[in-house]
Amino acid sequence: MNELYVLMRDSELVGVYTTHRKATQELILSTQKEGLTLRDYSFEFGVEFFTYVGALPSNLYCWEIQEVTPDNRV
């Protein structure tokens, strides 16, 4: 079974992609359009976390990319 990659922003679904590359491209394009800057990156329990900051330091956004296998229980 092929894996899928789920992209989330602040716990809201952005999209589901067939490759990690496509999910990462969507993340980069979306953050560039909004003028966000990467502040932190971490990888925990198979999930990538990206923290971006906006024009104001109080504008923090947490993006996540998680690999999932369809039709499998977690």
PDB file of N, CA and C in Angstrom:
ATOM      1  N   MET A   1       0.850  -1.178   0.000  1.00  0.00           N
ATOM      2  CA  MET A   1       0.000   0.000   0.000  1.00  0.00           C
ATOM      3  C   MET A   1       0.891   1.235   0.000  1.00  0.00           C
ATOM      4  N   ASN A   2       0.564   2.192  -0.825  1.00  0.00           N
ATOM      5  CA  ASN A   2       1.333   3.430  -0.891  1.00  0.00           C
ATOM      6  C   ASN A   2       0.990   4.342   0.278  1.00  0.00           C
ATOM      7  N   GLU A   3       1.999   5.033   0.753  1.00  0.00           N
ATOM      8  CA  GLU A   3       1.788   5.977   1.838  1.00  0.00           C
ATOM      9  C   GLU A   3       1.255   7.295   1.293  1.00  0.00           C
ATOM     10  N   LEU A   4       0.543   8.019   2.136  1.00  0.00           N
ATOM     11  CA  LEU A   4       0.070   9.355   1.814  1.00  0.00           C
ATOM     12  C   LEU A   4       0.672  10.313   2.826  1.00  0.00           C
ATOM     13  N   TYR A   5       0.735  11.580   2.474  1.00  0.00           N
ATOM     14  CA  TYR A   5       1.331  12.592   3.349  1.00  0.00           C
ATOM     15  C   TYR A   5       0.281  13.660   3.633  1.00  0.00           C
ATOM     16  N   VAL A   6      -0.017  13.828   4.904  1.00  0.00           N
ATOM     17  CA  VAL A   6      -1.041  14.758   5.349  1.00  0.00           C
ATOM     18  C   VAL A   6      -0.357  16.044   5.797  1.00  0.00           C
ATOM     19  N   LEU A   7      -0.822  17.170   5.245  1.00  0.00           N
ATOM     20  CA  LEU A   7      -0.287  18.482   5.595  1.00  0.00           C
ATOM     21  C   LEU A   7      -1.332  19.219   6.422  1.00  0.00           C
ATOM     22  N   MET A   8      -0.921  19.664   7.616  1.00  0.00           N
ATOM     23  CA  MET A   8      -1.815  20.369   8.525  1.00  0.00           C
ATOM     24  C   MET A   8      -1.212  21.723   8.877  1.00  0.00           C
ATOM     25  N   ARG A   9      -2.099  22.692   9.122  1.00  0.00           N
ATOM     26  CA  ARG A   9      -1.679  24.003   9.618  1.00  0.00           C
ATOM     27  C   ARG A   9      -2.528  24.314  10.832  1.00  0.00           C
ATOM     28  N   ASP A  10      -1.883  24.470  11.968  1.00  0.00           N
ATOM     29  CA  ASP A  10      -2.586  24.752  13.226  1.00  0.00           C
ATOM     30  C   ASP A  10      -3.755  23.793  13.425  1.00  0.00           C
ATOM     31  N   SER A  11      -3.496  22.502  13.266  1.00  0.00           N
ATOM     32  CA  SER A  11      -4.469  21.417  13.467  1.00  0.00           C
ATOM     33  C   SER A  11      -5.624  21.424  12.469  1.00  0.00           C
ATOM     34  N   GLU A  12      -5.502  22.141  11.358  1.00  0.00           N
ATOM     35  CA  GLU A  12      -6.509  22.116  10.307  1.00  0.00           C
ATOM     36  C   GLU A  12      -5.902  21.493   9.053  1.00  0.00           C
ATOM     37  N   LEU A  13      -6.660  20.621   8.426  1.00  0.00           N
ATOM     38  CA  LEU A  13      -6.189  19.932   7.237  1.00  0.00           C
ATOM     39  C   LEU A  13      -6.000  20.900   6.076  1.00  0.00           C
ATOM     40  N   VAL A  14      -4.796  20.872   5.489  1.00  0.00           N
ATOM     41  CA  VAL A  14      -4.510  21.660   4.289  1.00  0.00           C
ATOM     42  C   VAL A  14      -4.680  20.776   3.063  1.00  0.00           C
ATOM     43  N   GLY A  15      -4.149  19.552   3.124  1.00  0.00           N
ATOM     44  CA  GLY A  15      -4.270  18.646   1.991  1.00  0.00           C
ATOM     45  C   GLY A  15      -3.632  17.302   2.263  1.00  0.00           C
ATOM     46  N   VAL A  16      -3.909  16.358   1.365  1.00  0.00           N
ATOM     47  CA  VAL A  16      -3.330  15.020   1.418  1.00  0.00           C
ATOM     48  C   VAL A  16      -2.618  14.804   0.089  1.00  0.00           C
ATOM     49  N   TYR A  17      -1.354  14.385   0.150  1.00  0.00           N
ATOM     50  CA  TYR A  17      -0.506  14.312  -1.046  1.00  0.00           C
ATOM     51  C   TYR A  17       0.082  12.915  -1.197  1.00  0.00           C
ATOM     52  N   THR A  18       0.390  12.562  -2.442  1.00  0.00           N
ATOM     53  CA  THR A  18       0.907  11.221  -2.723  1.00  0.00           C
ATOM     54  C   THR A  18       2.404  11.103  -2.490  1.00  0.00           C
ATOM     55  N   THR A  19       3.116  12.231  -2.425  1.00  0.00           N
ATOM     56  CA  THR A  19       4.551  12.182  -2.157  1.00  0.00           C
ATOM     57  C   THR A  19       4.922  13.240  -1.121  1.00  0.00           C
ATOM     58  N   HIS A  20       6.007  12.970  -0.434  1.00  0.00           N
ATOM     59  CA  HIS A  20       6.517  13.933   0.557  1.00  0.00           C
ATOM     60  C   HIS A  20       6.916  15.228  -0.149  1.00  0.00           C
ATOM     61  N   ARG A  21       7.450  15.087  -1.333  1.00  0.00           N
ATOM     62  CA  ARG A  21       7.879  16.262  -2.096  1.00  0.00           C
ATOM     63  C   ARG A  21       6.717  17.218  -2.373  1.00  0.00           C
ATOM     64  N   LYS A  22       5.569  16.678  -2.790  1.00  0.00           N
ATOM     65  CA  LYS A  22       4.411  17.519  -3.084  1.00  0.00           C
ATOM     66  C   LYS A  22       3.903  18.226  -1.828  1.00  0.00           C
ATOM     67  N   ALA A  23       3.881  17.518  -0.706  1.00  0.00           N
ATOM     68  CA  ALA A  23       3.445  18.122   0.558  1.00  0.00           C
ATOM     69  C   ALA A  23       4.398  19.244   0.966  1.00  0.00           C
ATOM     70  N   THR A  24       5.684  19.001   0.811  1.00  0.00           N
ATOM     71  CA  THR A  24       6.685  20.013   1.168  1.00  0.00           C
ATOM     72  C   THR A  24       6.595  21.218   0.233  1.00  0.00           C
ATOM     73  N   GLN A  25       6.373  20.980  -1.044  1.00  0.00           N
ATOM     74  CA  GLN A  25       6.228  22.082  -1.991  1.00  0.00           C
ATOM     75  C   GLN A  25       5.032  22.956  -1.634  1.00  0.00           C
ATOM     76  N   GLU A  26       3.917  22.353  -1.275  1.00  0.00           N
ATOM     77  CA  GLU A  26       2.734  23.120  -0.877  1.00  0.00           C
ATOM     78  C   GLU A  26       3.023  23.944   0.376  1.00  0.00           C
ATOM     79  N   LEU A  27       3.722  23.350   1.326  1.00  0.00           N
ATOM     80  CA  LEU A  27       4.109  24.057   2.550  1.00  0.00           C
ATOM     81  C   LEU A  27       4.965  25.276   2.214  1.00  0.00           C
ATOM     82  N   ILE A  28       5.969  25.104   1.388  1.00  0.00           N
ATOM     83  CA  ILE A  28       6.885  26.199   1.041  1.00  0.00           C
ATOM     84  C   ILE A  28       6.153  27.294   0.267  1.00  0.00           C
ATOM     85  N   LEU A  29       5.362  26.908  -0.728  1.00  0.00           N
ATOM     86  CA  LEU A  29       4.635  27.909  -1.519  1.00  0.00           C
ATOM     87  C   LEU A  29       3.656  28.699  -0.657  1.00  0.00           C
ATOM     88  N   SER A  30       2.936  28.025   0.227  1.00  0.00           N
ATOM     89  CA  SER A  30       1.961  28.703   1.090  1.00  0.00           C
ATOM     90  C   SER A  30       2.630  29.675   2.044  1.00  0.00           C
ATOM     91  N   THR A  31       3.748  29.270   2.632  1.00  0.00           N
ATOM     92  CA  THR A  31       4.413  30.144   3.598  1.00  0.00           C
ATOM     93  C   THR A  31       5.100  31.324   2.910  1.00  0.00           C
ATOM     94  N   GLN A  32       5.601  31.105   1.691  1.00  0.00           N
ATOM     95  CA  GLN A  32       6.208  32.219   0.955  1.00  0.00           C
ATOM     96  C   GLN A  32       5.177  33.259   0.557  1.00  0.00           C
ATOM     97  N   LYS A  33       3.999  32.800   0.116  1.00  0.00           N
ATOM     98  CA  LYS A  33       2.934  33.728  -0.279  1.00  0.00           C
ATOM     99  C   LYS A  33       2.533  34.636   0.876  1.00  0.00           C
ATOM    100  N   GLU A  34       2.555  34.084   2.091  1.00  0.00           N
ATOM    101  CA  GLU A  34       2.156  34.850   3.271  1.00  0.00           C
ATOM    102  C   GLU A  34       3.317  35.611   3.905  1.00  0.00           C
ATOM    103  N   GLY A  35       4.514  35.433   3.370  1.00  0.00           N
ATOM    104  CA  GLY A  35       5.677  36.133   3.906  1.00  0.00           C
ATOM    105  C   GLY A  35       6.114  35.612   5.259  1.00  0.00           C
ATOM    106  N   LEU A  36       5.917  34.319   5.508  1.00  0.00           N
ATOM    107  CA  LEU A  36       6.288  33.722   6.792  1.00  0.00           C
ATOM    108  C   LEU A  36       7.747  33.278   6.768  1.00  0.00           C
ATOM    109  N   THR A  37       8.350  33.244   7.946  1.00  0.00           N
ATOM    110  CA  THR A  37       9.746  32.840   8.095  1.00  0.00           C
ATOM    111  C   THR A  37       9.826  31.621   9.007  1.00  0.00           C
ATOM    112  N   LEU A  38      10.609  30.628   8.595  1.00  0.00           N
ATOM    113  CA  LEU A  38      10.775  29.422   9.408  1.00  0.00           C
ATOM    114  C   LEU A  38      11.544  29.751  10.676  1.00  0.00           C
ATOM    115  N   ARG A  39      10.981  29.393  11.813  1.00  0.00           N
ATOM    116  CA  ARG A  39      11.635  29.630  13.094  1.00  0.00           C
ATOM    117  C   ARG A  39      12.208  28.343  13.678  1.00  0.00           C
ATOM    118  N   ASP A  40      11.480  27.231  13.531  1.00  0.00           N
ATOM    119  CA  ASP A  40      11.913  25.989  14.170  1.00  0.00           C
ATOM    120  C   ASP A  40      11.423  24.797  13.350  1.00  0.00           C
ATOM    121  N   TYR A  41      12.208  23.718  13.390  1.00  0.00           N
ATOM    122  CA  TYR A  41      11.852  22.453  12.755  1.00  0.00           C
ATOM    123  C   TYR A  41      12.151  21.338  13.732  1.00  0.00           C
ATOM    124  N   SER A  42      11.237  20.377  13.819  1.00  0.00           N
ATOM    125  CA  SER A  42      11.503  19.195  14.642  1.00  0.00           C
ATOM    126  C   SER A  42      10.821  17.978  14.023  1.00  0.00           C
ATOM    127  N   PHE A  43      11.339  16.819  14.352  1.00  0.00           N
ATOM    128  CA  PHE A  43      10.798  15.547  13.867  1.00  0.00           C
ATOM    129  C   PHE A  43      10.588  14.660  15.081  1.00  0.00           C
ATOM    130  N   GLU A  44       9.325  14.363  15.374  1.00  0.00           N
ATOM    131  CA  GLU A  44       8.997  13.559  16.556  1.00  0.00           C
ATOM    132  C   GLU A  44       7.959  12.508  16.194  1.00  0.00           C
ATOM    133  N   PHE A  45       8.243  11.256  16.516  1.00  0.00           N
ATOM    134  CA  PHE A  45       7.311  10.147  16.333  1.00  0.00           C
ATOM    135  C   PHE A  45       6.757  10.069  14.913  1.00  0.00           C
ATOM    136  N   GLY A  46       7.608  10.323  13.930  1.00  0.00           N
ATOM    137  CA  GLY A  46       7.213  10.209  12.541  1.00  0.00           C
ATOM    138  C   GLY A  46       6.474  11.407  11.980  1.00  0.00           C
ATOM    139  N   VAL A  47       6.406  12.487  12.726  1.00  0.00           N
ATOM    140  CA  VAL A  47       5.723  13.700  12.270  1.00  0.00           C
ATOM    141  C   VAL A  47       6.730  14.836  12.208  1.00  0.00           C
ATOM    142  N   GLU A  48       6.728  15.569  11.092  1.00  0.00           N
ATOM    143  CA  GLU A  48       7.587  16.739  10.963  1.00  0.00           C
ATOM    144  C   GLU A  48       6.798  17.973  11.407  1.00  0.00           C
ATOM    145  N   PHE A  49       7.402  18.778  12.266  1.00  0.00           N
ATOM    146  CA  PHE A  49       6.783  20.003  12.755  1.00  0.00           C
ATOM    147  C   PHE A  49       7.602  21.196  12.284  1.00  0.00           C
ATOM    148  N   PHE A  50       6.917  22.179  11.722  1.00  0.00           N
ATOM    149  CA  PHE A  50       7.549  23.409  11.247  1.00  0.00           C
ATOM    150  C   PHE A  50       6.863  24.567  11.954  1.00  0.00           C
ATOM    151  N   THR A  51       7.622  25.426  12.602  1.00  0.00           N
ATOM    152  CA  THR A  51       7.052  26.613  13.230  1.00  0.00           C
ATOM    153  C   THR A  51       7.457  27.818  12.404  1.00  0.00           C
ATOM    154  N   TYR A  52       6.462  28.546  11.935  1.00  0.00           N
ATOM    155  CA  TYR A  52       6.692  29.738  11.130  1.00  0.00           C
ATOM    156  C   TYR A  52       6.204  30.957  11.896  1.00  0.00           C
ATOM    157  N   VAL A  53       6.861  32.083  11.673  1.00  0.00           N
ATOM    158  CA  VAL A  53       6.479  33.335  12.310  1.00  0.00           C
ATOM    159  C   VAL A  53       6.142  34.340  11.212  1.00  0.00           C
ATOM    160  N   GLY A  54       5.109  35.155  11.490  1.00  0.00           N
ATOM    161  CA  GLY A  54       4.678  36.171  10.534  1.00  0.00           C
ATOM    162  C   GLY A  54       5.394  37.486  10.776  1.00  0.00           C
ATOM    163  N   ALA A  55       4.812  38.561  10.270  1.00  0.00           N
ATOM    164  CA  ALA A  55       5.402  39.894  10.406  1.00  0.00           C
ATOM    165  C   ALA A  55       5.504  40.299  11.876  1.00  0.00           C
ATOM    166  N   LEU A  56       4.481  39.947  12.645  1.00  0.00           N
ATOM    167  CA  LEU A  56       4.527  40.201  14.084  1.00  0.00           C
ATOM    168  C   LEU A  56       5.005  38.942  14.792  1.00  0.00           C
ATOM    169  N   PRO A  57       5.887  39.067  15.772  1.00  0.00           N
ATOM    170  CA  PRO A  57       6.394  37.878  16.469  1.00  0.00           C
ATOM    171  C   PRO A  57       5.293  37.048  17.137  1.00  0.00           C
ATOM    172  N   SER A  58       4.150  37.663  17.408  1.00  0.00           N
ATOM    173  CA  SER A  58       3.060  36.923  18.051  1.00  0.00           C
ATOM    174  C   SER A  58       2.296  36.046  17.049  1.00  0.00           C
ATOM    175  N   ASN A  59       2.546  36.216  15.762  1.00  0.00           N
ATOM    176  CA  ASN A  59       1.887  35.408  14.736  1.00  0.00           C
ATOM    177  C   ASN A  59       2.682  34.140  14.477  1.00  0.00           C
ATOM    178  N   LEU A  60       2.418  33.097  15.260  1.00  0.00           N
ATOM    179  CA  LEU A  60       3.090  31.807  15.106  1.00  0.00           C
ATOM    180  C   LEU A  60       2.146  30.810  14.459  1.00  0.00           C
ATOM    181  N   TYR A  61       2.674  30.029  13.528  1.00  0.00           N
ATOM    182  CA  TYR A  61       1.886  29.021  12.841  1.00  0.00           C
ATOM    183  C   TYR A  61       2.640  27.697  12.899  1.00  0.00           C
ATOM    184  N   CYS A  62       1.941  26.638  13.281  1.00  0.00           N
ATOM    185  CA  CYS A  62       2.546  25.313  13.358  1.00  0.00           C
ATOM    186  C   CYS A  62       2.034  24.476  12.188  1.00  0.00           C
ATOM    187  N   TRP A  63       2.938  24.062  11.329  1.00  0.00           N
ATOM    188  CA  TRP A  63       2.629  23.191  10.200  1.00  0.00           C
ATOM    189  C   TRP A  63       3.134  21.794  10.523  1.00  0.00           C
ATOM    190  N   GLU A  64       2.445  20.777  10.022  1.00  0.00           N
ATOM    191  CA  GLU A  64       2.847  19.387  10.257  1.00  0.00           C
ATOM    192  C   GLU A  64       2.726  18.598   8.963  1.00  0.00           C
ATOM    193  N   ILE A  65       3.676  17.695   8.763  1.00  0.00           N
ATOM    194  CA  ILE A  65       3.583  16.717   7.676  1.00  0.00           C
ATOM    195  C   ILE A  65       3.703  15.344   8.324  1.00  0.00           C
ATOM    196  N   GLN A  66       2.687  14.518   8.085  1.00  0.00           N
ATOM    197  CA  GLN A  66       2.685  13.178   8.668  1.00  0.00           C
ATOM    198  C   GLN A  66       2.443  12.144   7.578  1.00  0.00           C
ATOM    199  N   GLU A  67       3.252  11.090   7.594  1.00  0.00           N
ATOM    200  CA  GLU A  67       3.094  10.003   6.645  1.00  0.00           C
ATOM    201  C   GLU A  67       2.075   9.015   7.212  1.00  0.00           C
ATOM    202  N   VAL A  68       1.084   8.645   6.388  1.00  0.00           N
ATOM    203  CA  VAL A  68       0.063   7.696   6.842  1.00  0.00           C
ATOM    204  C   VAL A  68      -0.129   6.621   5.787  1.00  0.00           C
ATOM    205  N   THR A  69      -0.526   5.448   6.235  1.00  0.00           N
ATOM    206  CA  THR A  69      -0.851   4.358   5.333  1.00  0.00           C
ATOM    207  C   THR A  69      -2.369   4.227   5.302  1.00  0.00           C
ATOM    208  N   PRO A  70      -2.991   4.356   4.138  1.00  0.00           N
ATOM    209  CA  PRO A  70      -4.446   4.284   4.075  1.00  0.00           C
ATOM    210  C   PRO A  70      -4.968   2.915   4.517  1.00  0.00           C
ATOM    211  N   ASP A  71      -6.143   2.945   5.087  1.00  0.00           N
ATOM    212  CA  ASP A  71      -6.860   1.730   5.485  1.00  0.00           C
ATOM    213  C   ASP A  71      -6.152   0.925   6.569  1.00  0.00           C
ATOM    214  N   ASN A  72      -5.250   1.540   7.320  1.00  0.00           N
ATOM    215  CA  ASN A  72      -4.595   0.888   8.458  1.00  0.00           C
ATOM    216  C   ASN A  72      -4.987   1.593   9.742  1.00  0.00           C
ATOM    217  N   ARG A  73      -5.163   0.832  10.773  1.00  0.00           N
ATOM    218  CA  ARG A  73      -5.464   1.422  12.080  1.00  0.00           C
ATOM    219  C   ARG A  73      -4.194   2.006  12.677  1.00  0.00           C
ATOM    220  N   VAL A  74      -4.356   3.038  13.462  1.00  0.00           N
ATOM    221  CA  VAL A  74      -3.197   3.657  14.122  1.00  0.00           C
ATOM    222  C   VAL A  74      -3.034   3.134  15.522  1.00  0.00           C
TER     223      VAL A  74
END
